[in-house]
Amino acid sequence: FSFLCHQTPKQFHSKFLQRAQAKNLNDSDYKGFAYDAAWLVALALNKTDQNLGPNVSLDSLPFGDKNFSDFMKGNLLSTEFQGMTVSVTFKS
């Protein structure tokens, strides 16, 4: 597993509270899960972009492209990292 954010969950929570309070927003029990989900998608998109090759960009693909869908699904399922909330991994 790789650790992505270079901060502990306690540091993340503290920084989140500072920013939320500065913008008059409420704290959320789901912030860590949302953070992990965003990283999961970002990492899978990065791998998918590499799978598609240098001559194809993600923003040029039509909606529903089969190659994109297949690569993205595989990359989502194979991505592993230490998230804010849990070790993110998919096992069958």
N, C-alpha and C. Protein backbone atom coordinates (compact mmCIF):
# COMPACT_ATOMS: atom_id res chain seq x y z
N PHE A 1 0.83 -1.19 0.00
CA PHE A 1 0.00 0.00 0.00
C PHE A 1 0.87 1.25 0.00
N SER A 2 0.40 2.26 -0.66
CA SER A 2 1.11 3.54 -0.61
C SER A 2 0.26 4.53 0.18
N PHE A 3 0.92 5.42 0.91
CA PHE A 3 0.24 6.43 1.69
C PHE A 3 0.23 7.72 0.88
N LEU A 4 -0.93 8.24 0.59
CA LEU A 4 -1.07 9.30 -0.40
C LEU A 4 -0.92 10.72 0.12
N CYS A 5 -1.48 11.03 1.24
CA CYS A 5 -1.65 12.43 1.60
C CYS A 5 -0.54 12.98 2.49
N HIS A 6 0.35 12.14 2.95
CA HIS A 6 1.48 12.58 3.78
C HIS A 6 1.04 13.30 5.04
N GLN A 7 -0.11 12.92 5.57
CA GLN A 7 -0.58 13.45 6.84
C GLN A 7 -1.38 12.37 7.55
N THR A 8 -1.44 12.46 8.85
CA THR A 8 -2.20 11.49 9.63
C THR A 8 -3.68 11.84 9.56
N PRO A 9 -4.55 10.89 9.87
CA PRO A 9 -5.98 11.22 9.93
C PRO A 9 -6.27 12.36 10.91
N LYS A 10 -5.54 12.42 12.02
CA LYS A 10 -5.75 13.50 12.98
C LYS A 10 -5.39 14.86 12.37
N GLN A 11 -4.28 14.91 11.62
CA GLN A 11 -3.88 16.15 10.95
C GLN A 11 -4.91 16.54 9.89
N PHE A 12 -5.38 15.56 9.13
CA PHE A 12 -6.40 15.81 8.11
C PHE A 12 -7.65 16.39 8.75
N HIS A 13 -8.10 15.77 9.85
CA HIS A 13 -9.31 16.24 10.54
C HIS A 13 -9.12 17.68 11.03
N SER A 14 -7.99 17.96 11.60
CA SER A 14 -7.71 19.30 12.11
C SER A 14 -7.72 20.34 10.98
N LYS A 15 -7.06 20.01 9.88
CA LYS A 15 -7.02 20.94 8.74
C LYS A 15 -8.42 21.13 8.14
N PHE A 16 -9.18 20.04 8.06
CA PHE A 16 -10.54 20.13 7.54
C PHE A 16 -11.38 21.06 8.41
N LEU A 17 -11.29 20.89 9.74
CA LEU A 17 -12.07 21.74 10.64
C LEU A 17 -11.70 23.20 10.50
N GLN A 18 -10.41 23.50 10.39
CA GLN A 18 -9.98 24.89 10.21
C GLN A 18 -10.59 25.49 8.96
N ARG A 19 -10.52 24.76 7.87
CA ARG A 19 -11.06 25.29 6.60
C ARG A 19 -12.57 25.39 6.62
N ALA A 20 -13.23 24.39 7.21
CA ALA A 20 -14.69 24.41 7.28
C ALA A 20 -15.17 25.58 8.13
N GLN A 21 -14.53 25.79 9.27
CA GLN A 21 -14.94 26.89 10.15
C GLN A 21 -14.68 28.25 9.50
N ALA A 22 -13.58 28.35 8.75
CA ALA A 22 -13.27 29.61 8.06
C ALA A 22 -14.33 29.96 7.02
N LYS A 23 -14.99 28.94 6.49
CA LYS A 23 -16.03 29.16 5.47
C LYS A 23 -17.42 28.98 6.05
N ASN A 24 -17.51 28.88 7.37
CA ASN A 24 -18.78 28.72 8.06
C ASN A 24 -19.53 27.46 7.61
N LEU A 25 -18.79 26.37 7.44
CA LEU A 25 -19.37 25.09 7.05
C LEU A 25 -19.35 24.12 8.23
N ASN A 26 -20.20 23.14 8.19
CA ASN A 26 -20.26 22.14 9.25
C ASN A 26 -19.24 21.04 9.02
N ASP A 27 -18.83 20.40 10.11
CA ASP A 27 -17.99 19.21 10.03
C ASP A 27 -18.83 18.06 9.49
N SER A 28 -18.17 17.05 8.96
CA SER A 28 -18.88 15.88 8.43
C SER A 28 -18.18 14.60 8.87
N ASP A 29 -18.96 13.63 9.29
CA ASP A 29 -18.41 12.32 9.64
C ASP A 29 -17.95 11.56 8.39
N TYR A 30 -18.34 12.03 7.23
CA TYR A 30 -18.04 11.33 5.98
C TYR A 30 -16.86 11.91 5.21
N LYS A 31 -16.21 12.93 5.76
CA LYS A 31 -15.13 13.61 5.03
C LYS A 31 -14.00 12.68 4.64
N GLY A 32 -13.61 11.77 5.52
CA GLY A 32 -12.52 10.84 5.22
C GLY A 32 -12.90 9.88 4.11
N PHE A 33 -14.14 9.42 4.12
CA PHE A 33 -14.60 8.50 3.07
C PHE A 33 -14.65 9.21 1.71
N ALA A 34 -15.11 10.46 1.71
CA ALA A 34 -15.14 11.24 0.47
C ALA A 34 -13.73 11.46 -0.05
N TYR A 35 -12.80 11.75 0.84
CA TYR A 35 -11.40 11.96 0.47
C TYR A 35 -10.82 10.69 -0.15
N ASP A 36 -11.07 9.55 0.49
CA ASP A 36 -10.58 8.27 -0.04
C ASP A 36 -11.21 7.94 -1.40
N ALA A 37 -12.50 8.22 -1.55
CA ALA A 37 -13.18 7.94 -2.82
C ALA A 37 -12.62 8.80 -3.94
N ALA A 38 -12.35 10.06 -3.63
CA ALA A 38 -11.77 10.95 -4.65
C ALA A 38 -10.39 10.46 -5.08
N TRP A 39 -9.57 10.02 -4.11
CA TRP A 39 -8.25 9.48 -4.45
C TRP A 39 -8.36 8.20 -5.26
N LEU A 40 -9.32 7.34 -4.92
CA LEU A 40 -9.51 6.10 -5.67
C LEU A 40 -9.79 6.40 -7.14
N VAL A 41 -10.71 7.31 -7.39
CA VAL A 41 -11.05 7.66 -8.77
C VAL A 41 -9.87 8.32 -9.48
N ALA A 42 -9.17 9.22 -8.80
CA ALA A 42 -8.02 9.90 -9.41
C ALA A 42 -6.92 8.91 -9.79
N LEU A 43 -6.62 7.98 -8.90
CA LEU A 43 -5.58 7.00 -9.20
C LEU A 43 -5.99 6.08 -10.35
N ALA A 44 -7.25 5.66 -10.35
CA ALA A 44 -7.73 4.80 -11.43
C ALA A 44 -7.76 5.55 -12.76
N LEU A 45 -8.14 6.81 -12.75
CA LEU A 45 -8.11 7.61 -13.99
C LEU A 45 -6.68 7.75 -14.52
N ASN A 46 -5.74 7.97 -13.62
CA ASN A 46 -4.35 8.09 -14.03
C ASN A 46 -3.85 6.80 -14.68
N LYS A 47 -4.17 5.67 -14.07
CA LYS A 47 -3.77 4.37 -14.65
C LYS A 47 -4.46 4.15 -16.00
N THR A 48 -5.73 4.51 -16.07
CA THR A 48 -6.49 4.33 -17.31
C THR A 48 -5.90 5.19 -18.42
N ASP A 49 -5.53 6.41 -18.11
CA ASP A 49 -4.90 7.28 -19.09
C ASP A 49 -3.63 6.64 -19.64
N GLN A 50 -2.84 6.03 -18.76
CA GLN A 50 -1.62 5.34 -19.18
C GLN A 50 -1.95 4.12 -20.04
N ASN A 51 -3.00 3.38 -19.68
CA ASN A 51 -3.41 2.19 -20.45
C ASN A 51 -3.83 2.54 -21.87
N LEU A 52 -4.46 3.68 -22.03
CA LEU A 52 -4.98 4.08 -23.34
C LEU A 52 -3.87 4.48 -24.31
N GLY A 53 -2.73 4.83 -23.78
CA GLY A 53 -1.59 5.15 -24.64
C GLY A 53 -1.43 6.64 -24.88
N PRO A 54 -0.28 7.00 -25.48
CA PRO A 54 0.06 8.41 -25.65
C PRO A 54 -0.77 9.15 -26.71
N ASN A 55 -1.42 8.43 -27.59
CA ASN A 55 -2.16 9.08 -28.67
C ASN A 55 -3.64 9.27 -28.36
N VAL A 56 -4.06 8.90 -27.14
CA VAL A 56 -5.46 9.03 -26.75
C VAL A 56 -5.54 9.82 -25.46
N SER A 57 -6.38 10.85 -25.44
CA SER A 57 -6.58 11.60 -24.19
C SER A 57 -7.96 11.28 -23.64
N LEU A 58 -8.07 11.30 -22.34
CA LEU A 58 -9.35 10.97 -21.71
C LEU A 58 -10.48 11.90 -22.15
N ASP A 59 -10.16 13.16 -22.35
CA ASP A 59 -11.22 14.11 -22.72
C ASP A 59 -11.66 14.00 -24.18
N SER A 60 -10.96 13.18 -24.96
CA SER A 60 -11.37 13.01 -26.36
C SER A 60 -12.24 11.77 -26.58
N LEU A 61 -12.40 10.96 -25.55
CA LEU A 61 -13.17 9.72 -25.69
C LEU A 61 -14.67 10.01 -25.63
N PRO A 62 -15.45 9.33 -26.45
CA PRO A 62 -16.90 9.52 -26.38
C PRO A 62 -17.46 8.85 -25.12
N PHE A 63 -18.56 9.38 -24.63
CA PHE A 63 -19.22 8.80 -23.47
C PHE A 63 -19.55 7.33 -23.75
N GLY A 64 -19.24 6.45 -22.80
CA GLY A 64 -19.56 5.04 -22.95
C GLY A 64 -18.52 4.25 -23.72
N ASP A 65 -17.37 4.83 -23.99
CA ASP A 65 -16.31 4.13 -24.72
C ASP A 65 -15.97 2.82 -24.02
N LYS A 66 -16.03 1.71 -24.75
CA LYS A 66 -15.82 0.37 -24.19
C LYS A 66 -14.41 0.19 -23.65
N ASN A 67 -13.38 0.65 -24.36
CA ASN A 67 -12.01 0.51 -23.87
C ASN A 67 -11.82 1.26 -22.56
N PHE A 68 -12.34 2.49 -22.52
CA PHE A 68 -12.24 3.28 -21.28
C PHE A 68 -12.94 2.55 -20.14
N SER A 69 -14.15 2.08 -20.38
CA SER A 69 -14.92 1.41 -19.33
C SER A 69 -14.19 0.18 -18.80
N ASP A 70 -13.65 -0.62 -19.71
CA ASP A 70 -12.94 -1.84 -19.30
C ASP A 70 -11.68 -1.51 -18.50
N PHE A 71 -10.90 -0.56 -18.99
CA PHE A 71 -9.69 -0.17 -18.26
C PHE A 71 -10.03 0.45 -16.91
N MET A 72 -11.02 1.33 -16.89
CA MET A 72 -11.38 2.01 -15.64
C MET A 72 -11.86 1.02 -14.60
N LYS A 73 -12.71 0.10 -14.99
CA LYS A 73 -13.21 -0.91 -14.05
C LYS A 73 -12.05 -1.73 -13.48
N GLY A 74 -11.19 -2.20 -14.36
CA GLY A 74 -10.04 -2.99 -13.91
C GLY A 74 -9.13 -2.20 -12.99
N ASN A 75 -8.92 -0.93 -13.32
CA ASN A 75 -8.04 -0.10 -12.50
C ASN A 75 -8.66 0.27 -11.16
N LEU A 76 -9.96 0.48 -11.13
CA LEU A 76 -10.63 0.71 -9.85
C LEU A 76 -10.48 -0.51 -8.94
N LEU A 77 -10.67 -1.68 -9.52
CA LEU A 77 -10.61 -2.91 -8.73
C LEU A 77 -9.19 -3.28 -8.30
N SER A 78 -8.19 -2.82 -9.02
CA SER A 78 -6.81 -3.21 -8.70
C SER A 78 -6.05 -2.15 -7.89
N THR A 79 -6.65 -0.99 -7.70
CA THR A 79 -5.98 0.09 -6.96
C THR A 79 -5.99 -0.23 -5.47
N GLU A 80 -4.84 -0.05 -4.84
CA GLU A 80 -4.71 -0.26 -3.40
C GLU A 80 -3.90 0.90 -2.81
N PHE A 81 -4.37 1.42 -1.68
CA PHE A 81 -3.62 2.47 -0.98
C PHE A 81 -4.14 2.60 0.44
N GLN A 82 -3.33 3.21 1.29
CA GLN A 82 -3.74 3.49 2.67
C GLN A 82 -4.52 4.79 2.67
N GLY A 83 -5.81 4.70 2.88
CA GLY A 83 -6.66 5.88 2.88
C GLY A 83 -6.75 6.52 4.25
N MET A 84 -7.54 7.57 4.33
CA MET A 84 -7.77 8.25 5.60
C MET A 84 -8.58 7.38 6.55
N THR A 85 -9.46 6.58 5.99
CA THR A 85 -10.39 5.81 6.82
C THR A 85 -9.99 4.35 6.95
N VAL A 86 -9.52 3.76 5.88
CA VAL A 86 -9.17 2.34 5.84
C VAL A 86 -8.10 2.09 4.81
N SER A 87 -7.58 0.88 4.77
CA SER A 87 -6.74 0.45 3.65
C SER A 87 -7.70 0.15 2.51
N VAL A 88 -7.59 0.92 1.44
CA VAL A 88 -8.51 0.77 0.31
C VAL A 88 -8.01 -0.32 -0.61
N THR A 89 -8.80 -1.36 -0.75
CA THR A 89 -8.48 -2.48 -1.64
C THR A 89 -9.76 -3.23 -1.94
N PHE A 90 -9.79 -3.88 -3.07
CA PHE A 90 -10.95 -4.67 -3.46
C PHE A 90 -10.49 -6.12 -3.61
N LYS A 91 -11.07 -7.00 -2.84
CA LYS A 91 -10.75 -8.43 -2.91
C LYS A 91 -11.99 -9.19 -3.32
N SER A 92 -11.79 -10.22 -4.14
CA SER A 92 -12.96 -11.01 -4.56
C SER A 92 -13.19 -12.17 -3.61
